[in-house]
C-alpha atoms as a PDB file:
ATOM      1  CA  MET A   1     -17.247  93.502 -69.801  1.00  0.00           C
ATOM      2  CA  ASN A   2     -13.756  93.781 -68.328  1.00  0.00           C
ATOM      3  CA  ARG A   3     -12.440  90.216 -68.145  1.00  0.00           C
ATOM      4  CA  SER A   4     -10.696  90.761 -64.836  1.00  0.00           C
ATOM      5  CA  PHE A   5     -13.983  91.786 -63.302  1.00  0.00           C
ATOM      6  CA  LEU A   6     -15.740  88.812 -64.863  1.00  0.00           C
ATOM      7  CA  LEU A   7     -13.178  86.315 -63.395  1.00  0.00           C
ATOM      8  CA  LEU A   8     -13.549  87.831 -59.965  1.00  0.00           C
ATOM      9  CA  ILE A   9     -17.366  87.642 -60.147  1.00  0.00           C
ATOM     10  CA  VAL A  10     -17.187  83.942 -61.158  1.00  0.00           C
ATOM     11  CA  THR A  11     -15.016  83.237 -58.115  1.00  0.00           C
ATOM     12  CA  LEU A  12     -17.386  85.067 -55.806  1.00  0.00           C
ATOM     13  CA  LEU A  13     -20.380  83.170 -57.156  1.00  0.00           C
ATOM     14  CA  ALA A  14     -18.638  79.835 -56.637  1.00  0.00           C
ATOM     15  CA  VAL A  15     -17.878  80.665 -53.072  1.00  0.00           C
ATOM     16  CA  GLY A  16     -21.370  82.044 -52.509  1.00  0.00           C
ATOM     17  CA  LEU A  17     -23.219  79.052 -53.837  1.00  0.00           C
ATOM     18  CA  GLY A  18     -21.833  77.057 -51.032  1.00  0.00           C
ATOM     19  CA  GLY A  19     -22.506  79.310 -48.126  1.00  0.00           C
ATOM     20  CA  VAL A  20     -24.879  82.244 -48.722  1.00  0.00           C
ATOM     21  CA  SER A  21     -28.040  82.227 -46.742  1.00  0.00           C
ATOM     22  CA  ALA A  22     -29.488  85.355 -48.387  1.00  0.00           C
ATOM     23  CA  VAL A  23     -28.266  85.732 -51.952  1.00  0.00           C
ATOM     24  CA  GLY A  24     -28.421  89.260 -53.354  1.00  0.00           C
ATOM     25  CA  GLN A  25     -28.939  91.077 -50.081  1.00  0.00           C
ATOM     26  CA  ALA A  26     -25.294  91.793 -49.202  1.00  0.00           C
ATOM     27  CA  ALA A  27     -21.717  90.941 -49.934  1.00  0.00           C
ATOM     28  CA  ILE A  28     -20.574  87.373 -49.859  1.00  0.00           C
ATOM     29  CA  SER A  29     -18.175  86.871 -47.019  1.00  0.00           C
ATOM     30  CA  VAL A  30     -16.492  84.321 -44.795  1.00  0.00           C
ATOM     31  CA  LEU A  31     -19.392  84.752 -42.373  1.00  0.00           C
ATOM     32  CA  ASP A  32     -21.757  83.161 -44.905  1.00  0.00           C
ATOM     33  CA  ILE A  33     -19.982  79.738 -44.862  1.00  0.00           C
ATOM     34  CA  GLU A  34     -21.171  77.129 -42.319  1.00  0.00           C
ATOM     35  CA  PRO A  35     -18.386  76.942 -39.768  1.00  0.00           C
ATOM     36  CA  GLY A  36     -17.140  74.002 -37.715  1.00  0.00           C
ATOM     37  CA  VAL A  37     -16.528  70.358 -38.592  1.00  0.00           C
ATOM     38  CA  ARG A  38     -18.529  68.360 -36.109  1.00  0.00           C
ATOM     39  CA  ALA A  39     -21.513  70.643 -36.737  1.00  0.00           C
ATOM     40  CA  LEU A  40     -21.096  70.428 -40.495  1.00  0.00           C
ATOM     41  CA  GLY A  41     -21.159  66.603 -40.291  1.00  0.00           C
ATOM     42  CA  ILE A  42     -24.740  66.883 -38.848  1.00  0.00           C
ATOM     43  CA  GLY A  43     -25.838  69.308 -41.558  1.00  0.00           C
ATOM     44  CA  GLY A  44     -24.888  72.418 -39.626  1.00  0.00           C
ATOM     45  CA  ALA A  45     -27.807  71.821 -37.240  1.00  0.00           C
ATOM     46  CA  ALA A  46     -26.016  72.943 -34.089  1.00  0.00           C
ATOM     47  CA  VAL A  47     -27.915  75.920 -32.687  1.00  0.00           C
ATOM     48  CA  ALA A  48     -29.368  73.734 -29.938  1.00  0.00           C
ATOM     49  CA  LEU A  49     -25.984  72.258 -28.936  1.00  0.00           C
ATOM     50  CA  ALA A  50     -23.711  73.584 -26.276  1.00  0.00           C
ATOM     51  CA  GLU A  51     -20.619  71.402 -26.517  1.00  0.00           C
ATOM     52  CA  GLY A  52     -17.013  72.400 -27.126  1.00  0.00           C
ATOM     53  CA  PRO A  53     -15.471  75.509 -28.765  1.00  0.00           C
ATOM     54  CA  GLU A  54     -17.687  75.208 -31.885  1.00  0.00           C
ATOM     55  CA  THR A  55     -20.448  76.592 -29.660  1.00  0.00           C
ATOM     56  CA  LEU A  56     -18.903  80.040 -30.334  1.00  0.00           C
ATOM     57  CA  PHE A  57     -19.768  79.729 -34.041  1.00  0.00           C
ATOM     58  CA  TYR A  58     -23.405  78.546 -33.694  1.00  0.00           C
ATOM     59  CA  ASN A  59     -24.892  79.813 -30.435  1.00  0.00           C
ATOM     60  CA  ALA A  60     -22.749  81.974 -28.109  1.00  0.00           C
ATOM     61  CA  ALA A  61     -25.288  81.583 -25.315  1.00  0.00           C
ATOM     62  CA  GLY A  62     -24.088  78.011 -24.984  1.00  0.00           C
ATOM     63  CA  LEU A  63     -20.701  79.325 -23.810  1.00  0.00           C
ATOM     64  CA  ALA A  64     -22.226  79.710 -20.339  1.00  0.00           C
ATOM     65  CA  GLU A  65     -22.574  75.856 -20.172  1.00  0.00           C
ATOM     66  CA  LEU A  66     -19.035  74.855 -21.046  1.00  0.00           C
ATOM     67  CA  SER A  67     -17.213  73.066 -18.291  1.00  0.00           C
ATOM     68  CA  GLY A  68     -13.576  73.678 -19.419  1.00  0.00           C
ATOM     69  CA  ILE A  69     -11.300  75.294 -21.973  1.00  0.00           C
ATOM     70  CA  GLY A  70     -11.276  74.012 -25.557  1.00  0.00           C
ATOM     71  CA  PHE A  71      -9.448  74.983 -28.750  1.00  0.00           C
ATOM     72  CA  THR A  72     -10.366  73.987 -32.305  1.00  0.00           C
ATOM     73  CA  SER A  73      -8.653  74.446 -35.640  1.00  0.00           C
ATOM     74  CA  SER A  74      -9.988  73.414 -39.061  1.00  0.00           C
ATOM     75  CA  TYR A  75      -9.242  73.862 -42.733  1.00  0.00           C
ATOM     76  CA  THR A  76     -10.865  73.138 -46.096  1.00  0.00           C
ATOM     77  CA  PHE A  77     -10.430  74.062 -49.729  1.00  0.00           C
ATOM     78  CA  HIS A  78     -13.995  75.329 -50.009  1.00  0.00           C
ATOM     79  CA  LEU A  79     -15.705  73.947 -53.094  1.00  0.00           C
ATOM     80  CA  GLY A  80     -12.356  73.787 -54.820  1.00  0.00           C
ATOM     81  CA  VAL A  81     -12.086  77.586 -55.241  1.00  0.00           C
ATOM     82  CA  ALA A  82     -10.959  79.082 -51.910  1.00  0.00           C
ATOM     83  CA  GLY A  83      -9.047  78.129 -48.816  1.00  0.00           C
ATOM     84  CA  TYR A  84     -11.116  78.375 -45.600  1.00  0.00           C
ATOM     85  CA  SER A  85      -9.693  78.196 -42.085  1.00  0.00           C
ATOM     86  CA  ALA A  86     -11.397  78.516 -38.654  1.00  0.00           C
ATOM     87  CA  LEU A  87      -9.768  78.853 -35.240  1.00  0.00           C
ATOM     88  CA  GLY A  88     -11.715  78.989 -31.957  1.00  0.00           C
ATOM     89  CA  LEU A  89     -10.798  79.156 -28.252  1.00  0.00           C
ATOM     90  CA  ALA A  90     -13.599  78.936 -25.767  1.00  0.00           C
ATOM     91  CA  ALA A  91     -14.210  78.494 -22.055  1.00  0.00           C
ATOM     92  CA  ARG A  92     -17.167  79.062 -19.762  1.00  0.00           C
ATOM     93  CA  ASN A  93     -18.805  82.387 -20.547  1.00  0.00           C
ATOM     94  CA  TRP A  94     -16.479  83.543 -23.330  1.00  0.00           C
ATOM     95  CA  GLY A  95     -14.882  82.620 -26.663  1.00  0.00           C
ATOM     96  CA  VAL A  96     -12.664  84.082 -29.391  1.00  0.00           C
ATOM     97  CA  GLY A  97     -12.392  83.003 -32.917  1.00  0.00           C
ATOM     98  CA  LEU A  98     -10.812  83.725 -36.318  1.00  0.00           C
ATOM     99  CA  LEU A  99     -12.305  82.832 -39.723  1.00  0.00           C
ATOM    100  CA  MET A 100     -10.272  83.225 -42.940  1.00  0.00           C
ATOM    101  CA  LEU A 101     -11.270  82.822 -46.589  1.00  0.00           C
ATOM    102  CA  ASN A 102      -8.815  83.365 -49.504  1.00  0.00           C
ATOM    103  CA  SER A 103      -9.221  82.567 -53.161  1.00  0.00           C
ATOM    104  CA  GLY A 104      -5.528  83.105 -53.937  1.00  0.00           C
ATOM    105  CA  ASN A 105      -4.421  84.827 -57.127  1.00  0.00           C
ATOM    106  CA  ILE A 106      -6.959  85.230 -59.946  1.00  0.00           C
ATOM    107  CA  PRO A 107      -5.408  86.011 -63.385  1.00  0.00           C
ATOM    108  CA  GLY A 108      -6.408  89.486 -64.453  1.00  0.00           C
ATOM    109  CA  TYR A 109      -6.992  90.704 -68.034  1.00  0.00           C
ATOM    110  CA  ASP A 110      -7.859  94.076 -69.491  1.00  0.00           C
ATOM    111  CA  ALA A 111     -10.638  94.819 -71.992  1.00  0.00           C
ATOM    112  CA  ASN A 112      -8.336  93.811 -74.892  1.00  0.00           C
ATOM    113  CA  GLY A 113      -7.564  90.449 -73.322  1.00  0.00           C
ATOM    114  CA  ASP A 114      -3.999  91.329 -72.318  1.00  0.00           C
ATOM    115  CA  PRO A 115      -2.744  90.044 -68.937  1.00  0.00           C
ATOM    116  CA  THR A 116      -2.697  92.447 -66.011  1.00  0.00           C
ATOM    117  CA  ASP A 117      -1.857  92.109 -62.340  1.00  0.00           C
ATOM    118  CA  ASN A 118      -3.366  89.149 -60.525  1.00  0.00           C
ATOM    119  CA  LEU A 119      -6.471  89.814 -58.483  1.00  0.00           C
ATOM    120  CA  SER A 120      -7.500  88.279 -55.171  1.00  0.00           C
ATOM    121  CA  TYR A 121     -10.622  87.826 -53.122  1.00  0.00           C
ATOM    122  CA  GLY A 122     -10.290  87.164 -49.409  1.00  0.00           C
ATOM    123  CA  ASN A 123     -11.571  88.209 -46.078  1.00  0.00           C
ATOM    124  CA  SER A 124     -11.123  87.441 -42.368  1.00  0.00           C
ATOM    125  CA  ALA A 125     -13.339  87.774 -39.391  1.00  0.00           C
ATOM    126  CA  VAL A 126     -12.478  88.085 -35.692  1.00  0.00           C
ATOM    127  CA  LEU A 127     -15.179  86.831 -33.299  1.00  0.00           C
ATOM    128  CA  LEU A 128     -15.639  87.714 -29.658  1.00  0.00           C
ATOM    129  CA  GLY A 129     -18.469  85.776 -28.013  1.00  0.00           C
ATOM    130  CA  PHE A 130     -19.996  85.756 -24.548  1.00  0.00           C
ATOM    131  CA  GLY A 131     -22.606  83.650 -22.806  1.00  0.00           C
ATOM    132  CA  VAL A 132     -24.321  84.342 -19.487  1.00  0.00           C
ATOM    133  CA  ASP A 133     -26.423  82.196 -17.084  1.00  0.00           C
ATOM    134  CA  PRO A 134     -28.741  84.558 -15.218  1.00  0.00           C
ATOM    135  CA  ARG A 135     -28.610  82.193 -12.210  1.00  0.00           C
ATOM    136  CA  GLN A 136     -24.945  83.183 -11.800  1.00  0.00           C
ATOM    137  CA  LEU A 137     -25.765  86.868 -11.458  1.00  0.00           C
ATOM    138  CA  PRO A 138     -26.640  87.867  -7.893  1.00  0.00           C
ATOM    139  CA  PHE A 139     -28.585  90.997  -8.897  1.00  0.00           C
ATOM    140  CA  ILE A 140     -31.121  89.062 -11.061  1.00  0.00           C
ATOM    141  CA  PRO A 141     -34.052  87.534  -9.154  1.00  0.00           C
ATOM    142  CA  LYS A 142     -34.847  83.817  -9.475  1.00  0.00           C
ATOM    143  CA  LEU A 143     -36.644  83.198 -12.773  1.00  0.00           C
ATOM    144  CA  PRO A 144     -39.310  80.572 -13.439  1.00  0.00           C
ATOM    145  CA  ILE A 145     -37.263  79.089 -16.307  1.00  0.00           C
ATOM    146  CA  ASP A 146     -33.575  78.358 -16.723  1.00  0.00           C
ATOM    147  CA  PHE A 147     -31.899  79.721 -19.807  1.00  0.00           C
ATOM    148  CA  ARG A 148     -28.666  81.216 -21.125  1.00  0.00           C
ATOM    149  CA  ALA A 149     -28.256  84.374 -23.200  1.00  0.00           C
ATOM    150  CA  GLY A 150     -25.286  85.637 -25.141  1.00  0.00           C
ATOM    151  CA  GLY A 151     -23.914  87.387 -28.170  1.00  0.00           C
ATOM    152  CA  CYS A 152     -21.050  87.504 -30.598  1.00  0.00           C
ATOM    153  CA  PHE A 153     -19.263  90.606 -31.870  1.00  0.00           C
ATOM    154  CA  LYS A 154     -17.828  90.061 -35.388  1.00  0.00           C
ATOM    155  CA  TYR A 155     -15.245  92.246 -37.126  1.00  0.00           C
ATOM    156  CA  LEU A 156     -14.782  91.599 -40.846  1.00  0.00           C
ATOM    157  CA  SER A 157     -11.995  92.716 -43.140  1.00  0.00           C
ATOM    158  CA  VAL A 158     -12.452  92.244 -46.936  1.00  0.00           C
ATOM    159  CA  THR A 159     -10.176  92.333 -49.961  1.00  0.00           C
ATOM    160  CA  ASN A 160     -12.032  92.379 -53.256  1.00  0.00           C
ATOM    161  CA  GLY A 161      -9.475  92.827 -56.003  1.00  0.00           C
ATOM    162  CA  PRO A 162      -8.062  96.334 -55.579  1.00  0.00           C
ATOM    163  CA  THR A 163     -10.867  97.309 -53.166  1.00  0.00           C
ATOM    164  CA  THR A 164     -10.745  96.859 -49.417  1.00  0.00           C
ATOM    165  CA  GLY A 165     -13.361  97.278 -46.755  1.00  0.00           C
ATOM    166  CA  SER A 166     -14.189  96.454 -43.163  1.00  0.00           C
ATOM    167  CA  GLY A 167     -17.124  96.390 -40.845  1.00  0.00           C
ATOM    168  CA  PHE A 168     -18.718  94.752 -37.788  1.00  0.00           C
ATOM    169  CA  ALA A 169     -21.847  92.873 -36.869  1.00  0.00           C
ATOM    170  CA  LEU A 170     -23.555  91.674 -33.722  1.00  0.00           C
ATOM    171  CA  ASP A 171     -25.355  88.373 -33.132  1.00  0.00           C
ATOM    172  CA  LEU A 172     -27.683  87.664 -30.230  1.00  0.00           C
ATOM    173  CA  ALA A 173     -28.267  84.143 -28.821  1.00  0.00           C
ATOM    174  CA  TYR A 174     -30.503  82.168 -26.523  1.00  0.00           C
ATOM    175  CA  HIS A 175     -30.147  78.616 -25.275  1.00  0.00           C
ATOM    176  CA  MET A 176     -32.329  76.497 -22.984  1.00  0.00           C
ATOM    177  CA  ASP A 177     -32.180  72.906 -21.681  1.00  0.00           C
ATOM    178  CA  PHE A 178     -35.157  70.740 -20.724  1.00  0.00           C
ATOM    179  CA  PRO A 179     -35.412  67.778 -18.325  1.00  0.00           C
ATOM    180  CA  ASP A 180     -35.251  64.254 -19.774  1.00  0.00           C
ATOM    181  CA  ILE A 181     -38.674  62.814 -20.755  1.00  0.00           C
ATOM    182  CA  ARG A 182     -40.121  59.574 -21.938  1.00  0.00           C
ATOM    183  CA  LEU A 183     -42.607  59.111 -24.816  1.00  0.00           C
ATOM    184  CA  GLY A 184     -43.807  55.600 -24.120  1.00  0.00           C
ATOM    185  CA  PRO A 185     -40.854  53.311 -24.432  1.00  0.00           C
ATOM    186  CA  ILE A 186     -38.660  56.052 -25.964  1.00  0.00           C
ATOM    187  CA  ALA A 187     -36.380  58.029 -23.615  1.00  0.00           C
ATOM    188  CA  LEU A 188     -35.384  61.509 -24.736  1.00  0.00           C
ATOM    189  CA  GLY A 189     -32.373  63.168 -23.111  1.00  0.00           C
ATOM    190  CA  ASP A 190     -30.127  66.189 -23.754  1.00  0.00           C
ATOM    191  CA  LEU A 191     -33.194  68.186 -24.861  1.00  0.00           C
ATOM    192  CA  GLY A 192     -32.208  71.614 -26.013  1.00  0.00           C
ATOM    193  CA  LEU A 193     -33.597  74.724 -27.704  1.00  0.00           C
ATOM    194  CA  GLY A 194     -31.522  77.384 -29.329  1.00  0.00           C
ATOM    195  CA  VAL A 195     -32.315  80.694 -31.050  1.00  0.00           C
ATOM    196  CA  THR A 196     -29.892  83.054 -32.776  1.00  0.00           C
ATOM    197  CA  ALA A 197     -30.505  86.437 -34.329  1.00  0.00           C
ATOM    198  CA  THR A 198     -27.607  87.214 -36.684  1.00  0.00           C
ATOM    199  CA  ASN A 199     -26.373  90.634 -37.820  1.00  0.00           C
ATOM    200  CA  VAL A 200     -28.815  92.635 -35.751  1.00  0.00           C
ATOM    201  CA  LEU A 201     -26.420  95.522 -35.927  1.00  0.00           C
ATOM    202  CA  GLY A 202     -23.536  96.557 -38.162  1.00  0.00           C
ATOM    203  CA  GLY A 203     -22.550  96.774 -41.819  1.00  0.00           C
ATOM    204  CA  LEU A 204     -19.570  96.716 -44.227  1.00  0.00           C
ATOM    205  CA  SER A 205     -17.902  99.919 -45.428  1.00  0.00           C
ATOM    206  CA  TYR A 206     -15.774 100.504 -48.497  1.00  0.00           C
ATOM    207  CA  ASP A 207     -14.232 103.804 -49.643  1.00  0.00           C
ATOM    208  CA  ASP A 208     -17.139 104.683 -51.869  1.00  0.00           C
ATOM    209  CA  ARG A 209     -20.107 102.741 -50.462  1.00  0.00           C
ATOM    210  CA  THR A 210     -21.565 100.754 -47.611  1.00  0.00           C
ATOM    211  CA  GLU A 211     -23.344  97.414 -47.521  1.00  0.00           C
ATOM    212  CA  SER A 212     -25.490  95.848 -44.928  1.00  0.00           C
ATOM    213  CA  PHE A 213     -25.198  92.330 -43.625  1.00  0.00           C
ATOM    214  CA  PRO A 214     -28.345  90.238 -44.105  1.00  0.00           C
ATOM    215  CA  MET A 215     -30.208  89.838 -40.851  1.00  0.00           C
ATOM    216  CA  GLY A 216     -31.319  86.337 -39.973  1.00  0.00           C
ATOM    217  CA  LEU A 217     -33.165  84.308 -37.383  1.00  0.00           C
ATOM    218  CA  ARG A 218     -32.365  80.652 -36.719  1.00  0.00           C
ATOM    219  CA  VAL A 219     -34.147  78.238 -34.391  1.00  0.00           C
ATOM    220  CA  GLY A 220     -32.831  74.806 -33.459  1.00  0.00           C
ATOM    221  CA  VAL A 221     -33.886  71.851 -31.332  1.00  0.00           C
ATOM    222  CA  GLY A 222     -31.960  68.726 -30.379  1.00  0.00           C
ATOM    223  CA  ALA A 223     -32.457  65.522 -28.442  1.00  0.00           C
ATOM    224  CA  ARG A 224     -30.686  62.276 -27.732  1.00  0.00           C
ATOM    225  CA  ILE A 225     -32.903  59.197 -28.326  1.00  0.00           C
ATOM    226  CA  LEU A 226     -32.448  56.165 -26.077  1.00  0.00           C
ATOM    227  CA  GLY A 227     -29.135  57.636 -24.971  1.00  0.00           C
ATOM    228  CA  MET A 228     -27.651  56.585 -28.306  1.00  0.00           C
ATOM    229  CA  VAL A 229     -28.554  58.800 -31.278  1.00  0.00           C
ATOM    230  CA  LEU A 230     -28.402  62.617 -31.207  1.00  0.00           C
ATOM    231  CA  LEU A 231     -30.912  64.233 -33.539  1.00  0.00           C
ATOM    232  CA  THR A 232     -30.850  67.932 -34.335  1.00  0.00           C
ATOM    233  CA  THR A 233     -32.604  70.306 -36.672  1.00  0.00           C
ATOM    234  CA  ASP A 234     -32.350  74.071 -37.424  1.00  0.00           C
ATOM    235  CA  ILE A 235     -34.800  76.220 -39.339  1.00  0.00           C
ATOM    236  CA  GLU A 236     -33.820  79.691 -40.695  1.00  0.00           C
ATOM    237  CA  LEU A 237     -36.292  82.492 -41.278  1.00  0.00           C
ATOM    238  CA  ALA A 238     -34.731  83.028 -44.726  1.00  0.00           C
ATOM    239  CA  GLY A 239     -35.712  79.484 -45.723  1.00  0.00           C
ATOM    240  CA  GLY A 240     -32.653  77.475 -44.769  1.00  0.00           C
ATOM    241  CA  PHE A 241     -33.162  74.054 -43.231  1.00  0.00           C
ATOM    242  CA  HIS A 242     -30.659  71.799 -41.470  1.00  0.00           C
ATOM    243  CA  LEU A 243     -31.064  68.252 -40.232  1.00  0.00           C
ATOM    244  CA  GLY A 244     -28.527  65.879 -38.680  1.00  0.00           C
ATOM    245  CA  ALA A 245     -27.829  62.828 -36.600  1.00  0.00           C
ATOM    246  CA  GLU A 246     -24.825  61.598 -34.601  1.00  0.00           C
ATOM    247  CA  TYR A 247     -24.324  57.995 -33.393  1.00  0.00           C
ATOM    248  CA  ARG A 248     -21.537  56.681 -31.188  1.00  0.00           C
ATOM    249  CA  PRO A 249     -21.147  52.969 -31.729  1.00  0.00           C
ATOM    250  CA  ILE A 250     -18.289  52.974 -29.156  1.00  0.00           C
ATOM    251  CA  GLU A 251     -17.336  55.849 -26.871  1.00  0.00           C
ATOM    252  CA  PRO A 252     -14.327  57.318 -28.806  1.00  0.00           C
ATOM    253  CA  VAL A 253     -15.989  57.130 -32.234  1.00  0.00           C
ATOM    254  CA  ALA A 254     -18.823  59.272 -33.673  1.00  0.00           C
ATOM    255  CA  VAL A 255     -20.597  58.752 -37.005  1.00  0.00           C
ATOM    256  CA  ARG A 256     -22.585  61.654 -38.406  1.00  0.00           C
ATOM    257  CA  ALA A 257     -24.851  62.427 -41.293  1.00  0.00           C
ATOM    258  CA  GLY A 258     -27.121  65.285 -42.289  1.00  0.00           C
ATOM    259  CA  MET A 259     -28.452  67.606 -44.939  1.00  0.00           C
ATOM    260  CA  LEU A 260     -28.697  71.358 -45.337  1.00  0.00           C
ATOM    261  CA  THR A 261     -30.684  73.553 -47.689  1.00  0.00           C
ATOM    262  CA  GLU A 262     -29.734  77.209 -48.248  1.00  0.00           C
ATOM    263  CA  ALA A 263     -30.598  79.589 -51.074  1.00  0.00           C
ATOM    264  CA  GLY A 264     -32.390  76.772 -52.898  1.00  0.00           C
ATOM    265  CA  VAL A 265     -29.349  74.479 -52.862  1.00  0.00           C
ATOM    266  CA  THR A 266     -29.512  71.192 -50.989  1.00  0.00           C
ATOM    267  CA  SER A 267     -26.345  69.405 -49.833  1.00  0.00           C
ATOM    268  CA  LEU A 268     -25.745  66.126 -48.058  1.00  0.00           C
ATOM    269  CA  THR A 269     -23.129  65.890 -45.341  1.00  0.00           C
ATOM    270  CA  PHE A 270     -21.229  63.084 -43.668  1.00  0.00           C
ATOM    271  CA  GLY A 271     -18.819  63.148 -40.727  1.00  0.00           C
ATOM    272  CA  LEU A 272     -16.633  61.098 -38.435  1.00  0.00           C
ATOM    273  CA  GLY A 273     -15.116  61.883 -35.047  1.00  0.00           C
ATOM    274  CA  TYR A 274     -12.506  60.234 -32.886  1.00  0.00           C
ATOM    275  CA  SER A 275     -11.504  61.335 -29.397  1.00  0.00           C
ATOM    276  CA  ILE A 276      -8.459  60.177 -27.435  1.00  0.00           C
ATOM    277  CA  GLU A 277      -7.427  61.606 -24.042  1.00  0.00           C
ATOM    278  CA  GLY A 278      -8.645  65.150 -24.678  1.00  0.00           C
ATOM    279  CA  PHE A 279      -7.690  65.275 -28.381  1.00  0.00           C
ATOM    280  CA  ILE A 280     -10.579  65.150 -30.809  1.00  0.00           C
ATOM    281  CA  ILE A 281     -10.215  64.676 -34.557  1.00  0.00           C
ATOM    282  CA  ASP A 282     -13.267  65.459 -36.706  1.00  0.00           C
ATOM    283  CA  TYR A 283     -13.871  65.028 -40.409  1.00  0.00           C
ATOM    284  CA  ALA A 284     -16.756  66.223 -42.524  1.00  0.00           C
ATOM    285  CA  TYR A 285     -17.778  66.064 -46.153  1.00  0.00           C
ATOM    286  CA  VAL A 286     -20.403  68.265 -47.730  1.00  0.00           C
ATOM    287  CA  SER A 287     -21.700  67.666 -51.221  1.00  0.00           C
ATOM    288  CA  HIS A 288     -22.877  70.224 -53.758  1.00  0.00           C
ATOM    289  CA  PRO A 289     -25.131  69.739 -56.751  1.00  0.00           C
ATOM    290  CA  PHE A 290     -23.182  72.057 -59.051  1.00  0.00           C
ATOM    291  CA  LEU A 291     -19.697  72.451 -57.676  1.00  0.00           C
ATOM    292  CA  ARG A 292     -17.069  70.229 -56.191  1.00  0.00           C
ATOM    293  CA  GLY A 293     -17.777  68.836 -52.714  1.00  0.00           C
ATOM    294  CA  SER A 294     -15.618  69.897 -49.778  1.00  0.00           C
ATOM    295  CA  HIS A 295     -13.686  67.833 -47.269  1.00  0.00           C
ATOM    296  CA  ARG A 296     -13.063  69.429 -43.860  1.00  0.00           C
ATOM    297  CA  LEU A 297     -10.773  68.311 -41.063  1.00  0.00           C
ATOM    298  CA  SER A 298     -10.266  69.688 -37.538  1.00  0.00           C
ATOM    299  CA  LEU A 299      -8.258  69.082 -34.417  1.00  0.00           C
ATOM    300  CA  THR A 300      -9.882  70.065 -31.148  1.00  0.00           C
ATOM    301  CA  ILE A 301      -8.176  70.014 -27.727  1.00  0.00           C
ATOM    302  CA  ASP A 302     -10.312  69.658 -24.637  1.00  0.00           C
ATOM    303  CA  PHE A 303      -7.936  70.882 -21.943  1.00  0.00           C
ATOM    304  CA  SER A 304     -10.284  69.712 -19.158  1.00  0.00           C
ATOM    305  CA  GLY A 305      -9.909  66.121 -20.420  1.00  0.00           C
ATOM    306  CA  LEU A 306      -6.283  66.352 -21.456  1.00  0.00           C
ATOM    307  CA  ASN A 307      -4.130  63.502 -20.128  1.00  0.00           C
ATOM    308  CA  ILE A 308      -0.671  63.463 -21.716  1.00  0.00           C
ATOM    309  CA  GLY A 309       0.476  60.370 -19.781  1.00  0.00           C
ATOM    310  CA  ALA A 310      -2.556  58.333 -20.851  1.00  0.00           C
ATOM    311  CA  LEU A 311      -2.172  59.603 -24.407  1.00  0.00           C
ATOM    312  CA  ALA A 312       1.468  58.433 -24.545  1.00  0.00           C
ATOM    313  CA  SER A 313       0.481  55.027 -23.207  1.00  0.00           C
ATOM    314  CA  THR A 314      -2.276  54.724 -25.833  1.00  0.00           C
ATOM    315  CA  LEU A 315       0.105  55.695 -28.634  1.00  0.00           C
ATOM    316  CA  ARG A 316       2.636  53.119 -27.494  1.00  0.00           C
ATOM    317  CA  ARG A 317      -0.029  50.447 -27.668  1.00  0.00           C
ATOM    318  CA  LEU A 318      -1.129  51.523 -31.182  1.00  0.00           C
ATOM    319  CA  LEU A 319       2.262  51.980 -32.719  1.00  0.00           C
ATOM    320  CA  PRO A 320       4.272  48.956 -33.899  1.00  0.00           C
END
């Protein structure tokens, strides 16, 4: 086997083990990696949530529930083999995002073992999401239930050694909130249900072939117990399972933990969050049974809660 091809395949497998939800059905891409940082801290179980710009990545229908404009930026060296970045800007009813994955230069060799040009594997995806609340549309009659619907258009550009390709896909999303309830002494609030159908349309085209994106269905539920602990879980039709919890011991601080299972691989996750006057710093760690674990860090700006004066005062108190 050509050694340059072998090295490229090894890199693709390393990336794919950490993020593929349907191995063998389609090309490994940046879209197969769990996005976000807060969400990753709770095992990626975020389909039922509608909070902040990460809503664009997990359930675009939740964009209809956002109260202000938010921006998020994150980076990780994914499993020690590829740089992964995510940018997202979201407001009520819309969101745009950019996902980037790049393995850098991979040494190339010919069949005789002699060095050749370096190879690379990388791709980027542009996301355009929308969320709609039917109650806001005057031409739709009053419905017996309240829900939000949405979707996300995804454009993907791929570099696979000397080969390039591009394509698009469409996700559909649904989100619904429920009134707070009590189960005996236990109060349940922030009850939510989310459903996403991924890659219902689209595919990836190269010069000599085309590939389909694996279609998927994901259902998630979430609830806050006693107003203190947020519990969430997602189930994927392909067999993936996500479970997570978030606890805020004090208002600015969040502690998170979770687990996720995809393609037969189970990983544990841990996360921390700290917010200060509209600025939110999130950290997440995800383990892997075969490869190096990944650390992920993000900065999110909530423009609706931004208070530069208060931030400056807080920093003056903290700094020596």
